[in-house]
Amino acid sequence: MADDQQTTPPPVNVYTAMLVLSFIAIAVGCIMLALYLGKYDFQIQPPAGMRP
């Protein structure tokens, strides 16, 4: 009987908005960090002569 009834999704509240906003802020921060490090030729991998 419960399958016959349609349930409405919960409304978007302030916590959902803050979650989306914080995700966007972190994503923009990561992009800006990558661009900033690329500007100064930052190497992610160690130089070829270094031993692991």
C-alpha atoms as a PDB file:
ATOM      1  CA  MET A   1       0.000   0.000   0.000  1.00  0.00           C
ATOM      2  CA  ALA A   2       2.878   2.380   0.632  1.00  0.00           C
ATOM      3  CA  ASP A   3       3.996   2.054  -2.998  1.00  0.00           C
ATOM      4  CA  ASP A   4       0.736   3.600  -4.212  1.00  0.00           C
ATOM      5  CA  GLN A   5       1.327   6.862  -2.374  1.00  0.00           C
ATOM      6  CA  GLN A   6       3.618   9.439  -3.899  1.00  0.00           C
ATOM      7  CA  THR A   7       6.029  11.011  -1.485  1.00  0.00           C
ATOM      8  CA  THR A   8       7.356  14.479  -2.104  1.00  0.00           C
ATOM      9  CA  PRO A   9      11.085  15.055  -1.667  1.00  0.00           C
ATOM     10  CA  PRO A  10      12.083  17.171   1.320  1.00  0.00           C
ATOM     11  CA  PRO A  11      12.322  20.882   0.591  1.00  0.00           C
ATOM     12  CA  VAL A  12      15.698  22.524   0.056  1.00  0.00           C
ATOM     13  CA  ASN A  13      16.653  24.157   3.315  1.00  0.00           C
ATOM     14  CA  VAL A  14      19.469  26.415   4.452  1.00  0.00           C
ATOM     15  CA  TYR A  15      21.784  23.485   5.209  1.00  0.00           C
ATOM     16  CA  THR A  16      21.524  22.206   1.651  1.00  0.00           C
ATOM     17  CA  ALA A  17      22.323  25.681   0.352  1.00  0.00           C
ATOM     18  CA  MET A  18      25.349  25.937   2.667  1.00  0.00           C
ATOM     19  CA  LEU A  19      26.541  22.504   1.514  1.00  0.00           C
ATOM     20  CA  VAL A  20      26.358  23.539  -2.145  1.00  0.00           C
ATOM     21  CA  LEU A  21      28.028  26.870  -1.416  1.00  0.00           C
ATOM     22  CA  SER A  22      30.904  25.239   0.471  1.00  0.00           C
ATOM     23  CA  PHE A  23      31.422  22.688  -2.330  1.00  0.00           C
ATOM     24  CA  ILE A  24      31.615  25.499  -4.884  1.00  0.00           C
ATOM     25  CA  ALA A  25      34.049  27.437  -2.678  1.00  0.00           C
ATOM     26  CA  ILE A  26      36.340  24.414  -2.289  1.00  0.00           C
ATOM     27  CA  ALA A  27      36.211  23.678  -6.033  1.00  0.00           C
ATOM     28  CA  VAL A  28      37.061  27.284  -6.915  1.00  0.00           C
ATOM     29  CA  GLY A  29      39.872  27.251  -4.338  1.00  0.00           C
ATOM     30  CA  CYS A  30      41.374  24.093  -5.849  1.00  0.00           C
ATOM     31  CA  ILE A  31      41.209  25.572  -9.343  1.00  0.00           C
ATOM     32  CA  MET A  32      42.816  28.811  -8.188  1.00  0.00           C
ATOM     33  CA  LEU A  33      45.570  26.864  -6.384  1.00  0.00           C
ATOM     34  CA  ALA A  34      46.305  24.829  -9.514  1.00  0.00           C
ATOM     35  CA  LEU A  35      46.495  27.986 -11.625  1.00  0.00           C
ATOM     36  CA  TYR A  36      48.730  29.688  -9.065  1.00  0.00           C
ATOM     37  CA  LEU A  37      51.108  26.727  -8.883  1.00  0.00           C
ATOM     38  CA  GLY A  38      51.159  26.449 -12.680  1.00  0.00           C
ATOM     39  CA  LYS A  39      52.188  30.083 -12.932  1.00  0.00           C
ATOM     40  CA  TYR A  40      55.445  29.312 -11.084  1.00  0.00           C
ATOM     41  CA  ASP A  41      56.133  25.961 -12.831  1.00  0.00           C
ATOM     42  CA  PHE A  42      55.524  23.931  -9.693  1.00  0.00           C
ATOM     43  CA  GLN A  43      56.391  20.253 -10.219  1.00  0.00           C
ATOM     44  CA  ILE A  44      54.078  17.664  -8.752  1.00  0.00           C
ATOM     45  CA  GLN A  45      56.539  14.809  -9.340  1.00  0.00           C
ATOM     46  CA  PRO A  46      60.043  14.751  -7.837  1.00  0.00           C
ATOM     47  CA  PRO A  47      62.960  15.496 -10.164  1.00  0.00           C
ATOM     48  CA  ALA A  48      64.312  12.586 -12.223  1.00  0.00           C
ATOM     49  CA  GLY A  49      67.593  12.354 -10.283  1.00  0.00           C
ATOM     50  CA  MET A  50      65.922  11.846  -6.877  1.00  0.00           C
ATOM     51  CA  ARG A  51      65.742   8.364  -5.367  1.00  0.00           C
ATOM     52  CA  PRO A  52      62.333   7.269  -4.000  1.00  0.00           C
END
